[in-house]
Amino acid sequence: MKISLGSWSFTFGPFADHPVPLDQIVRKVAEAGYDGLELCGYPPQVSLQQYASAGPRQQLRRLLQDHGLGVSGYSADQTMCNPTVPENAQAYLDLFQRQVDLCVDIGSPMIRIDTVAAPGSIAERDYQSCLDRVAALWHKAATSAAAAGVKVTWEFEPGFVFNKPSEVVALHERVGHPNFKVVFDTAHAYVCSTAGPRQQGRREVLHGGLLEFFDKLYKRIGHVHLVDSDGTLLADETSRHLPFGEGNIDFAALAPRLLSLPDVDWWCVDLCFCPQAWDLVKPSLDFVERLLSTRPAA
């Protein structure tokens, strides 16, 4: 298992007014001993605007290679093209293909997407047909990405529609493509399964909480984000991300399950919205490396 860190940890939230330059992040992550970086596709990082041509993309690959870092994935910015809007279908696929091409050029084996739309933005009468429509669109996207050798993973969370445990399972099933998997972000999964905020209609939580949700998603998981959670939201929008040990997640119980996943090569540390993220780079790696030692003996 290889360990990466999400570069968005130093772009959003408390870092929004003074984002850390990417080259500084690369040096920090390499010095800490990570295997790689997961790249943020939102400005001012690895967006289509900043990396529009082959030159900057090749420079980025050299920067990472010179520091001994791989790429675990690419978090695509699709905010300008909401996939739940029917009129956006072709524009979405065009944008997605450009982002897949970027993944190929920078050496990313995976592209991470989300539903973009906020909870409550879809009328109840249109909710199921919208889920089906997004699934059909993502099936086409997964097909085109497969041709390029890039895996598609969907990150569900309270801040976007289709965040009930049953909806996550249903949407993955409806996409129905072997190149389409789910991101198991431990904070989002914990919040969605134990608290159930910002859900459409009746609230849905699981008696077995995070571990039950993991078991429901086991064969569907294609990537892992690691961070702690206390089950609350940040600014009433999305899951609050806490440093390891400051939340309620039982990582000792979860780690053996995560290590048994058949389609996961990377664990990505996700310190998004953590004010102390810069100082947590090395301690977080140390924590995750201790989790890796829980792998049962062969």
C-alpha atoms as a PDB file:
ATOM      1  CA  MET A   1       0.000   0.000   0.000  1.00  0.00           C
ATOM      2  CA  LYS A   2       1.278   3.439  -0.985  1.00  0.00           C
ATOM      3  CA  ILE A   3       0.450   6.622   0.922  1.00  0.00           C
ATOM      4  CA  SER A   4      -0.242  10.010  -0.646  1.00  0.00           C
ATOM      5  CA  LEU A   5      -1.471  13.371   0.590  1.00  0.00           C
ATOM      6  CA  GLY A   6      -4.164  15.493  -1.029  1.00  0.00           C
ATOM      7  CA  SER A   7      -2.667  18.747  -2.289  1.00  0.00           C
ATOM      8  CA  TRP A   8      -6.068  20.478  -1.837  1.00  0.00           C
ATOM      9  CA  SER A   9      -5.336  20.398   1.910  1.00  0.00           C
ATOM     10  CA  PHE A  10      -3.429  23.649   1.383  1.00  0.00           C
ATOM     11  CA  THR A  11      -5.832  25.395  -1.009  1.00  0.00           C
ATOM     12  CA  PHE A  12      -9.312  25.454   0.549  1.00  0.00           C
ATOM     13  CA  GLY A  13     -10.743  26.701   3.830  1.00  0.00           C
ATOM     14  CA  PRO A  14      -8.115  28.333   6.061  1.00  0.00           C
ATOM     15  CA  PHE A  15      -5.632  28.366   3.149  1.00  0.00           C
ATOM     16  CA  ALA A  16      -7.997  29.967   0.617  1.00  0.00           C
ATOM     17  CA  ASP A  17      -6.548  33.459   1.063  1.00  0.00           C
ATOM     18  CA  HIS A  18      -2.934  32.259   1.018  1.00  0.00           C
ATOM     19  CA  PRO A  19      -2.712  28.906  -0.795  1.00  0.00           C
ATOM     20  CA  VAL A  20       0.619  27.134  -0.520  1.00  0.00           C
ATOM     21  CA  PRO A  21       2.434  26.958  -3.894  1.00  0.00           C
ATOM     22  CA  LEU A  22       2.497  23.491  -5.378  1.00  0.00           C
ATOM     23  CA  ASP A  23       6.281  23.232  -5.470  1.00  0.00           C
ATOM     24  CA  GLN A  24       6.411  23.884  -1.727  1.00  0.00           C
ATOM     25  CA  ILE A  25       3.798  21.181  -1.139  1.00  0.00           C
ATOM     26  CA  VAL A  26       5.822  18.744  -3.225  1.00  0.00           C
ATOM     27  CA  ARG A  27       8.955  19.392  -1.177  1.00  0.00           C
ATOM     28  CA  LYS A  28       7.100  19.132   2.136  1.00  0.00           C
ATOM     29  CA  VAL A  29       5.397  15.850   1.216  1.00  0.00           C
ATOM     30  CA  ALA A  30       8.601  14.326  -0.157  1.00  0.00           C
ATOM     31  CA  GLU A  31      10.629  15.306   2.907  1.00  0.00           C
ATOM     32  CA  ALA A  32       8.000  13.751   5.171  1.00  0.00           C
ATOM     33  CA  GLY A  33       8.376  10.426   3.358  1.00  0.00           C
ATOM     34  CA  TYR A  34       5.122  10.047   1.435  1.00  0.00           C
ATOM     35  CA  ASP A  35       4.992   7.880  -1.688  1.00  0.00           C
ATOM     36  CA  GLY A  36       3.021  10.388  -3.686  1.00  0.00           C
ATOM     37  CA  LEU A  37       0.669  13.316  -4.005  1.00  0.00           C
ATOM     38  CA  GLU A  38      -2.994  13.443  -4.967  1.00  0.00           C
ATOM     39  CA  LEU A  39      -3.428  16.478  -7.168  1.00  0.00           C
ATOM     40  CA  CYS A  40      -6.067  19.167  -6.865  1.00  0.00           C
ATOM     41  CA  GLY A  41      -7.667  20.232 -10.144  1.00  0.00           C
ATOM     42  CA  TYR A  42      -9.040  23.460  -8.726  1.00  0.00           C
ATOM     43  CA  PRO A  43      -7.267  26.810  -9.197  1.00  0.00           C
ATOM     44  CA  PRO A  44      -4.604  27.772  -8.311  1.00  0.00           C
ATOM     45  CA  GLN A  45      -3.302  24.208  -8.522  1.00  0.00           C
ATOM     46  CA  VAL A  46      -3.483  21.701 -11.408  1.00  0.00           C
ATOM     47  CA  SER A  47      -6.439  23.157 -13.300  1.00  0.00           C
ATOM     48  CA  LEU A  48      -7.023  22.961 -17.029  1.00  0.00           C
ATOM     49  CA  GLN A  49      -6.304  26.680 -17.187  1.00  0.00           C
ATOM     50  CA  GLN A  50      -2.891  26.492 -15.490  1.00  0.00           C
ATOM     51  CA  TYR A  51      -1.948  23.223 -17.234  1.00  0.00           C
ATOM     52  CA  ALA A  52      -3.478  23.741 -20.652  1.00  0.00           C
ATOM     53  CA  SER A  53      -0.564  22.475 -22.732  1.00  0.00           C
ATOM     54  CA  ALA A  54       2.104  19.783 -22.804  1.00  0.00           C
ATOM     55  CA  GLY A  55       4.881  22.020 -21.458  1.00  0.00           C
ATOM     56  CA  PRO A  56       3.502  22.699 -17.968  1.00  0.00           C
ATOM     57  CA  ARG A  57       2.303  19.104 -17.692  1.00  0.00           C
ATOM     58  CA  GLN A  58       5.762  17.755 -18.455  1.00  0.00           C
ATOM     59  CA  GLN A  59       7.283  20.178 -15.950  1.00  0.00           C
ATOM     60  CA  LEU A  60       4.880  18.914 -13.282  1.00  0.00           C
ATOM     61  CA  ARG A  61       5.834  15.300 -13.982  1.00  0.00           C
ATOM     62  CA  ARG A  62       9.512  16.178 -13.707  1.00  0.00           C
ATOM     63  CA  LEU A  63       8.933  18.052 -10.448  1.00  0.00           C
ATOM     64  CA  LEU A  64       7.238  15.031  -8.906  1.00  0.00           C
ATOM     65  CA  GLN A  65       9.770  12.556 -10.298  1.00  0.00           C
ATOM     66  CA  ASP A  66      12.694  14.659  -9.083  1.00  0.00           C
ATOM     67  CA  HIS A  67      11.263  14.395  -5.565  1.00  0.00           C
ATOM     68  CA  GLY A  68      10.516  10.691  -5.806  1.00  0.00           C
ATOM     69  CA  LEU A  69       6.752  11.133  -5.740  1.00  0.00           C
ATOM     70  CA  GLY A  70       4.061   9.294  -7.657  1.00  0.00           C
ATOM     71  CA  VAL A  71       0.504  10.467  -8.356  1.00  0.00           C
ATOM     72  CA  SER A  72      -2.364   8.645  -6.657  1.00  0.00           C
ATOM     73  CA  GLY A  73      -5.126  10.569  -8.407  1.00  0.00           C
ATOM     74  CA  TYR A  74      -6.540  13.815  -9.758  1.00  0.00           C
ATOM     75  CA  SER A  75      -9.460  15.656  -8.150  1.00  0.00           C
ATOM     76  CA  ALA A  76     -11.273  17.222 -11.103  1.00  0.00           C
ATOM     77  CA  ASP A  77     -12.950  20.617 -10.924  1.00  0.00           C
ATOM     78  CA  GLN A  78     -16.338  20.239 -12.609  1.00  0.00           C
ATOM     79  CA  THR A  79     -18.149  23.032 -10.819  1.00  0.00           C
ATOM     80  CA  MET A  80     -18.718  24.858 -14.100  1.00  0.00           C
ATOM     81  CA  CYS A  81     -20.648  21.915 -15.580  1.00  0.00           C
ATOM     82  CA  ASN A  82     -23.221  20.422 -13.203  1.00  0.00           C
ATOM     83  CA  PRO A  83     -23.905  16.818 -14.333  1.00  0.00           C
ATOM     84  CA  THR A  84     -27.430  16.832 -12.863  1.00  0.00           C
ATOM     85  CA  VAL A  85     -28.563  19.436 -15.421  1.00  0.00           C
ATOM     86  CA  PRO A  86     -29.835  17.661 -18.587  1.00  0.00           C
ATOM     87  CA  GLU A  87     -28.630  20.409 -20.936  1.00  0.00           C
ATOM     88  CA  ASN A  88     -25.069  19.981 -19.655  1.00  0.00           C
ATOM     89  CA  ALA A  89     -24.618  16.369 -20.773  1.00  0.00           C
ATOM     90  CA  GLN A  90     -22.409  16.886 -23.830  1.00  0.00           C
ATOM     91  CA  ALA A  91     -20.509  19.793 -22.315  1.00  0.00           C
ATOM     92  CA  TYR A  92     -19.843  17.619 -19.260  1.00  0.00           C
ATOM     93  CA  LEU A  93     -18.462  14.783 -21.369  1.00  0.00           C
ATOM     94  CA  ASP A  94     -16.274  17.216 -23.311  1.00  0.00           C
ATOM     95  CA  LEU A  95     -14.895  18.693 -20.087  1.00  0.00           C
ATOM     96  CA  PHE A  96     -14.400  15.246 -18.606  1.00  0.00           C
ATOM     97  CA  GLN A  97     -12.419  14.089 -21.645  1.00  0.00           C
ATOM     98  CA  ARG A  98     -10.109  17.086 -21.367  1.00  0.00           C
ATOM     99  CA  GLN A  99      -9.534  16.244 -17.718  1.00  0.00           C
ATOM    100  CA  VAL A 100      -8.827  12.601 -18.557  1.00  0.00           C
ATOM    101  CA  ASP A 101      -6.299  13.746 -21.145  1.00  0.00           C
ATOM    102  CA  LEU A 102      -4.652  15.825 -18.415  1.00  0.00           C
ATOM    103  CA  CYS A 103      -4.537  12.744 -16.171  1.00  0.00           C
ATOM    104  CA  VAL A 104      -2.734  10.810 -18.883  1.00  0.00           C
ATOM    105  CA  ASP A 105      -0.221  13.609 -19.407  1.00  0.00           C
ATOM    106  CA  ILE A 106       0.622  14.012 -15.708  1.00  0.00           C
ATOM    107  CA  GLY A 107       0.635  10.286 -14.960  1.00  0.00           C
ATOM    108  CA  SER A 108      -2.498  10.077 -12.820  1.00  0.00           C
ATOM    109  CA  PRO A 109      -4.114   6.612 -12.771  1.00  0.00           C
ATOM    110  CA  MET A 110      -7.400   7.938 -11.386  1.00  0.00           C
ATOM    111  CA  ILE A 111      -9.822  10.851 -11.738  1.00  0.00           C
ATOM    112  CA  ARG A 112     -12.091  11.796  -8.835  1.00  0.00           C
ATOM    113  CA  ILE A 113     -15.516  13.329  -9.564  1.00  0.00           C
ATOM    114  CA  ASP A 114     -18.618  14.369  -7.629  1.00  0.00           C
ATOM    115  CA  THR A 115     -22.227  15.303  -8.350  1.00  0.00           C
ATOM    116  CA  VAL A 116     -21.542  19.073  -8.016  1.00  0.00           C
ATOM    117  CA  ALA A 117     -25.209  19.843  -7.176  1.00  0.00           C
ATOM    118  CA  ALA A 118     -26.058  20.895  -3.625  1.00  0.00           C
ATOM    119  CA  PRO A 119     -28.583  18.991  -1.516  1.00  0.00           C
ATOM    120  CA  GLY A 120     -32.061  20.413  -1.969  1.00  0.00           C
ATOM    121  CA  SER A 121     -31.350  21.687  -5.483  1.00  0.00           C
ATOM    122  CA  ILE A 122     -33.391  18.931  -7.162  1.00  0.00           C
ATOM    123  CA  ALA A 123     -37.174  18.770  -6.842  1.00  0.00           C
ATOM    124  CA  GLU A 124     -38.515  15.611  -5.252  1.00  0.00           C
ATOM    125  CA  ARG A 125     -40.506  14.739  -8.384  1.00  0.00           C
ATOM    126  CA  ASP A 126     -37.296  14.814 -10.463  1.00  0.00           C
ATOM    127  CA  TYR A 127     -34.975  13.216  -7.921  1.00  0.00           C
ATOM    128  CA  GLN A 128     -34.999   9.590  -9.108  1.00  0.00           C
ATOM    129  CA  SER A 129     -34.906  10.467 -12.803  1.00  0.00           C
ATOM    130  CA  CYS A 130     -31.961  12.779 -12.097  1.00  0.00           C
ATOM    131  CA  LEU A 131     -30.068   9.980 -10.346  1.00  0.00           C
ATOM    132  CA  ASP A 132     -30.696   7.715 -13.341  1.00  0.00           C
ATOM    133  CA  ARG A 133     -29.598  10.440 -15.759  1.00  0.00           C
ATOM    134  CA  VAL A 134     -26.352  11.078 -13.878  1.00  0.00           C
ATOM    135  CA  ALA A 135     -25.687   7.342 -13.825  1.00  0.00           C
ATOM    136  CA  ALA A 136     -26.097   7.098 -17.606  1.00  0.00           C
ATOM    137  CA  LEU A 137     -23.789  10.089 -18.087  1.00  0.00           C
ATOM    138  CA  TRP A 138     -21.153   8.601 -15.789  1.00  0.00           C
ATOM    139  CA  HIS A 139     -21.334   5.277 -17.612  1.00  0.00           C
ATOM    140  CA  LYS A 140     -20.303   7.093 -20.783  1.00  0.00           C
ATOM    141  CA  ALA A 141     -17.579   8.914 -18.876  1.00  0.00           C
ATOM    142  CA  ALA A 142     -16.256   5.670 -17.396  1.00  0.00           C
ATOM    143  CA  THR A 143     -16.150   4.124 -20.856  1.00  0.00           C
ATOM    144  CA  SER A 144     -14.094   6.953 -22.316  1.00  0.00           C
ATOM    145  CA  ALA A 145     -11.751   7.004 -19.317  1.00  0.00           C
ATOM    146  CA  ALA A 146     -11.226   3.249 -19.558  1.00  0.00           C
ATOM    147  CA  ALA A 147      -9.998   3.687 -23.125  1.00  0.00           C
ATOM    148  CA  ALA A 148      -7.327   6.026 -21.731  1.00  0.00           C
ATOM    149  CA  GLY A 149      -6.411   3.709 -18.854  1.00  0.00           C
ATOM    150  CA  VAL A 150      -7.766   6.082 -16.175  1.00  0.00           C
ATOM    151  CA  LYS A 151     -10.019   4.839 -13.370  1.00  0.00           C
ATOM    152  CA  VAL A 152     -13.086   6.933 -12.438  1.00  0.00           C
ATOM    153  CA  THR A 153     -13.982   7.308  -8.760  1.00  0.00           C
ATOM    154  CA  TRP A 154     -16.953   9.147  -7.266  1.00  0.00           C
ATOM    155  CA  GLU A 155     -16.616  10.922  -3.920  1.00  0.00           C
ATOM    156  CA  PHE A 156     -19.958  11.201  -2.139  1.00  0.00           C
ATOM    157  CA  GLU A 157     -20.351  13.650   0.733  1.00  0.00           C
ATOM    158  CA  PRO A 158     -23.013  15.612   2.651  1.00  0.00           C
ATOM    159  CA  GLY A 159     -22.320  18.696   0.562  1.00  0.00           C
ATOM    160  CA  PHE A 160     -23.558  17.107  -2.673  1.00  0.00           C
ATOM    161  CA  VAL A 161     -26.755  15.303  -3.710  1.00  0.00           C
ATOM    162  CA  PHE A 162     -27.138  11.522  -3.469  1.00  0.00           C
ATOM    163  CA  ASN A 163     -25.438  11.146  -0.118  1.00  0.00           C
ATOM    164  CA  LYS A 164     -27.637   8.591   1.655  1.00  0.00           C
ATOM    165  CA  PRO A 165     -25.974   5.177   2.062  1.00  0.00           C
ATOM    166  CA  SER A 166     -28.689   3.564  -0.067  1.00  0.00           C
ATOM    167  CA  GLU A 167     -28.274   6.245  -2.762  1.00  0.00           C
ATOM    168  CA  VAL A 168     -24.518   5.706  -2.924  1.00  0.00           C
ATOM    169  CA  VAL A 169     -25.087   1.997  -3.518  1.00  0.00           C
ATOM    170  CA  ALA A 170     -27.909   2.633  -6.000  1.00  0.00           C
ATOM    171  CA  LEU A 171     -25.995   5.184  -8.076  1.00  0.00           C
ATOM    172  CA  HIS A 172     -22.959   2.934  -8.320  1.00  0.00           C
ATOM    173  CA  GLU A 173     -25.166   0.039  -9.418  1.00  0.00           C
ATOM    174  CA  ARG A 174     -26.902   2.151 -12.039  1.00  0.00           C
ATOM    175  CA  VAL A 175     -23.619   3.339 -13.531  1.00  0.00           C
ATOM    176  CA  GLY A 176     -22.803  -0.335 -13.918  1.00  0.00           C
ATOM    177  CA  HIS A 177     -19.315   0.021 -15.362  1.00  0.00           C
ATOM    178  CA  PRO A 178     -16.226  -1.872 -14.143  1.00  0.00           C
ATOM    179  CA  ASN A 179     -14.140   1.295 -14.528  1.00  0.00           C
ATOM    180  CA  PHE A 180     -16.365   3.236 -12.124  1.00  0.00           C
ATOM    181  CA  LYS A 181     -15.768   2.960  -8.371  1.00  0.00           C
ATOM    182  CA  VAL A 182     -16.495   4.851  -5.149  1.00  0.00           C
ATOM    183  CA  VAL A 183     -14.100   6.915  -3.040  1.00  0.00           C
ATOM    184  CA  PHE A 184     -14.332   5.821   0.588  1.00  0.00           C
ATOM    185  CA  ASP A 185     -13.528   9.050   2.403  1.00  0.00           C
ATOM    186  CA  THR A 186     -13.583   8.075   6.073  1.00  0.00           C
ATOM    187  CA  ALA A 187     -14.971  11.427   7.263  1.00  0.00           C
ATOM    188  CA  HIS A 188     -17.739  11.594   4.662  1.00  0.00           C
ATOM    189  CA  ALA A 189     -18.637   7.940   5.162  1.00  0.00           C
ATOM    190  CA  TYR A 190     -18.774   8.414   8.929  1.00  0.00           C
ATOM    191  CA  VAL A 191     -21.000  11.490   8.717  1.00  0.00           C
ATOM    192  CA  CYS A 192     -23.317  10.018   6.065  1.00  0.00           C
ATOM    193  CA  SER A 193     -23.770   6.735   7.919  1.00  0.00           C
ATOM    194  CA  THR A 194     -24.034   7.967  11.520  1.00  0.00           C
ATOM    195  CA  ALA A 195     -25.544  11.471  11.366  1.00  0.00           C
ATOM    196  CA  GLY A 196     -27.180  11.765   7.942  1.00  0.00           C
ATOM    197  CA  PRO A 197     -27.273  15.555   7.512  1.00  0.00           C
ATOM    198  CA  ARG A 198     -28.364  17.269   4.303  1.00  0.00           C
ATOM    199  CA  GLN A 199     -30.197  14.227   2.961  1.00  0.00           C
ATOM    200  CA  GLN A 200     -33.196  14.398   0.637  1.00  0.00           C
ATOM    201  CA  GLY A 201     -36.402  13.349   2.382  1.00  0.00           C
ATOM    202  CA  ARG A 202     -36.334  11.060   5.403  1.00  0.00           C
ATOM    203  CA  ARG A 203     -33.002  10.832   7.184  1.00  0.00           C
ATOM    204  CA  GLU A 204     -31.153   7.542   6.707  1.00  0.00           C
ATOM    205  CA  VAL A 205     -28.420   6.294   9.043  1.00  0.00           C
ATOM    206  CA  LEU A 206     -27.034   2.817   9.619  1.00  0.00           C
ATOM    207  CA  HIS A 207     -27.237   0.942  12.911  1.00  0.00           C
ATOM    208  CA  GLY A 208     -23.718  -0.372  12.340  1.00  0.00           C
ATOM    209  CA  GLY A 209     -22.435   3.059  11.338  1.00  0.00           C
ATOM    210  CA  LEU A 210     -19.187   3.394   9.425  1.00  0.00           C
ATOM    211  CA  LEU A 211     -18.266  -0.292   9.432  1.00  0.00           C
ATOM    212  CA  GLU A 212     -21.683  -1.316   8.118  1.00  0.00           C
ATOM    213  CA  PHE A 213     -21.414   1.310   5.375  1.00  0.00           C
ATOM    214  CA  PHE A 214     -17.967  -0.002   4.460  1.00  0.00           C
ATOM    215  CA  ASP A 215     -19.334  -3.542   4.174  1.00  0.00           C
ATOM    216  CA  LYS A 216     -22.142  -2.352   1.885  1.00  0.00           C
ATOM    217  CA  LEU A 217     -19.605  -0.620  -0.350  1.00  0.00           C
ATOM    218  CA  TYR A 218     -16.805  -3.185  -0.153  1.00  0.00           C
ATOM    219  CA  LYS A 219     -16.821  -4.358  -3.788  1.00  0.00           C
ATOM    220  CA  ARG A 220     -17.553  -0.834  -5.002  1.00  0.00           C
ATOM    221  CA  ILE A 221     -14.586   0.983  -3.422  1.00  0.00           C
ATOM    222  CA  GLY A 222     -11.774   2.028  -5.733  1.00  0.00           C
ATOM    223  CA  HIS A 223      -9.952   4.609  -3.646  1.00  0.00           C
ATOM    224  CA  VAL A 224      -9.530   5.662  -0.004  1.00  0.00           C
ATOM    225  CA  HIS A 225      -9.239   9.064   1.685  1.00  0.00           C
ATOM    226  CA  LEU A 226      -8.197   9.010   5.330  1.00  0.00           C
ATOM    227  CA  VAL A 227      -9.071  11.624   7.951  1.00  0.00           C
ATOM    228  CA  ASP A 228     -10.872  11.682  11.293  1.00  0.00           C
ATOM    229  CA  SER A 229     -14.391  12.973  11.979  1.00  0.00           C
ATOM    230  CA  ASP A 230     -16.661  13.727  14.923  1.00  0.00           C
ATOM    231  CA  GLY A 231     -19.816  13.428  12.809  1.00  0.00           C
ATOM    232  CA  THR A 232     -20.428  17.169  12.476  1.00  0.00           C
ATOM    233  CA  LEU A 233     -20.465  19.523   9.527  1.00  0.00           C
ATOM    234  CA  LEU A 234     -18.190  22.425   8.724  1.00  0.00           C
ATOM    235  CA  ALA A 235     -20.219  25.605   8.190  1.00  0.00           C
ATOM    236  CA  ASP A 236     -23.348  23.439   7.745  1.00  0.00           C
ATOM    237  CA  GLU A 237     -22.042  22.304   4.368  1.00  0.00           C
ATOM    238  CA  THR A 238     -19.767  19.263   4.385  1.00  0.00           C
ATOM    239  CA  SER A 239     -18.005  16.888   6.746  1.00  0.00           C
ATOM    240  CA  ARG A 240     -15.651  18.434   9.265  1.00  0.00           C
ATOM    241  CA  HIS A 241     -12.154  16.942   8.779  1.00  0.00           C
ATOM    242  CA  LEU A 242     -10.204  16.463  12.003  1.00  0.00           C
ATOM    243  CA  PRO A 243      -6.623  15.384  12.709  1.00  0.00           C
ATOM    244  CA  PHE A 244      -6.249  11.683  13.432  1.00  0.00           C
ATOM    245  CA  GLY A 245      -7.165  10.933  17.029  1.00  0.00           C
ATOM    246  CA  GLU A 246      -9.394  13.992  17.516  1.00  0.00           C
ATOM    247  CA  GLY A 247     -12.577  12.424  16.138  1.00  0.00           C
ATOM    248  CA  ASN A 248     -14.704   9.342  16.723  1.00  0.00           C
ATOM    249  CA  ILE A 249     -13.533   6.985  13.974  1.00  0.00           C
ATOM    250  CA  ASP A 250     -12.199   3.654  15.224  1.00  0.00           C
ATOM    251  CA  PHE A 251      -9.314   3.301  12.802  1.00  0.00           C
ATOM    252  CA  ALA A 252      -8.018   0.193  14.573  1.00  0.00           C
ATOM    253  CA  ALA A 253     -11.236  -1.597  13.617  1.00  0.00           C
ATOM    254  CA  LEU A 254     -11.434  -0.037  10.165  1.00  0.00           C
ATOM    255  CA  ALA A 255      -7.826  -0.545   9.026  1.00  0.00           C
ATOM    256  CA  PRO A 256      -7.947  -4.345   8.493  1.00  0.00           C
ATOM    257  CA  ARG A 257     -11.051  -3.882   6.352  1.00  0.00           C
ATOM    258  CA  LEU A 258      -9.380  -1.171   4.290  1.00  0.00           C
ATOM    259  CA  LEU A 259      -6.330  -3.361   3.819  1.00  0.00           C
ATOM    260  CA  SER A 260      -8.510  -6.144   2.418  1.00  0.00           C
ATOM    261  CA  LEU A 261      -9.834  -4.022  -0.467  1.00  0.00           C
ATOM    262  CA  PRO A 262      -8.909  -5.682  -3.782  1.00  0.00           C
ATOM    263  CA  ASP A 263      -8.918  -2.582  -6.049  1.00  0.00           C
ATOM    264  CA  VAL A 264      -7.017  -0.067  -3.923  1.00  0.00           C
ATOM    265  CA  ASP A 265      -3.297   0.686  -4.298  1.00  0.00           C
ATOM    266  CA  TRP A 266      -3.164   4.039  -2.500  1.00  0.00           C
ATOM    267  CA  TRP A 267      -4.370   5.543   0.749  1.00  0.00           C
ATOM    268  CA  CYS A 268      -4.621   9.335   0.533  1.00  0.00           C
ATOM    269  CA  VAL A 269      -4.394  11.491   3.654  1.00  0.00           C
ATOM    270  CA  ASP A 270      -7.024  14.237   3.346  1.00  0.00           C
ATOM    271  CA  LEU A 271      -6.437  17.256   5.618  1.00  0.00           C
ATOM    272  CA  CYS A 272      -8.897  19.529   3.817  1.00  0.00           C
ATOM    273  CA  PHE A 273     -10.168  22.421   5.965  1.00  0.00           C
ATOM    274  CA  CYS A 274      -7.744  21.586   8.818  1.00  0.00           C
ATOM    275  CA  PRO A 275      -6.152  24.881   9.923  1.00  0.00           C
ATOM    276  CA  GLN A 276      -3.061  23.032  11.178  1.00  0.00           C
ATOM    277  CA  ALA A 277      -2.688  20.893   8.031  1.00  0.00           C
ATOM    278  CA  TRP A 278       0.861  22.056   7.264  1.00  0.00           C
ATOM    279  CA  ASP A 279       2.078  20.914  10.678  1.00  0.00           C
ATOM    280  CA  LEU A 280       0.160  17.634  10.403  1.00  0.00           C
ATOM    281  CA  VAL A 281       1.881  16.356   7.257  1.00  0.00           C
ATOM    282  CA  LYS A 282       4.463  14.155   9.019  1.00  0.00           C
ATOM    283  CA  PRO A 283       2.344  13.162  12.070  1.00  0.00           C
ATOM    284  CA  SER A 284      -0.442  12.040   9.730  1.00  0.00           C
ATOM    285  CA  LEU A 285       1.952   9.873   7.755  1.00  0.00           C
ATOM    286  CA  ASP A 286       3.232   8.324  10.987  1.00  0.00           C
ATOM    287  CA  PHE A 287      -0.346   7.537  12.036  1.00  0.00           C
ATOM    288  CA  VAL A 288      -1.211   5.896   8.704  1.00  0.00           C
ATOM    289  CA  GLU A 289       1.996   3.859   8.695  1.00  0.00           C
ATOM    290  CA  ARG A 290       1.013   2.462  12.089  1.00  0.00           C
ATOM    291  CA  LEU A 291      -2.353   1.484  10.595  1.00  0.00           C
ATOM    292  CA  LEU A 292      -0.572  -0.383   7.822  1.00  0.00           C
ATOM    293  CA  SER A 293       1.148  -2.524  10.444  1.00  0.00           C
ATOM    294  CA  THR A 294      -2.274  -3.986  11.290  1.00  0.00           C
ATOM    295  CA  ARG A 295      -2.232  -6.058   8.090  1.00  0.00           C
ATOM    296  CA  PRO A 296      -2.703  -9.727   9.066  1.00  0.00           C
ATOM    297  CA  ALA A 297       0.321 -11.933   8.518  1.00  0.00           C
ATOM    298  CA  ALA A 298       0.235 -13.853   5.222  1.00  0.00           C
END
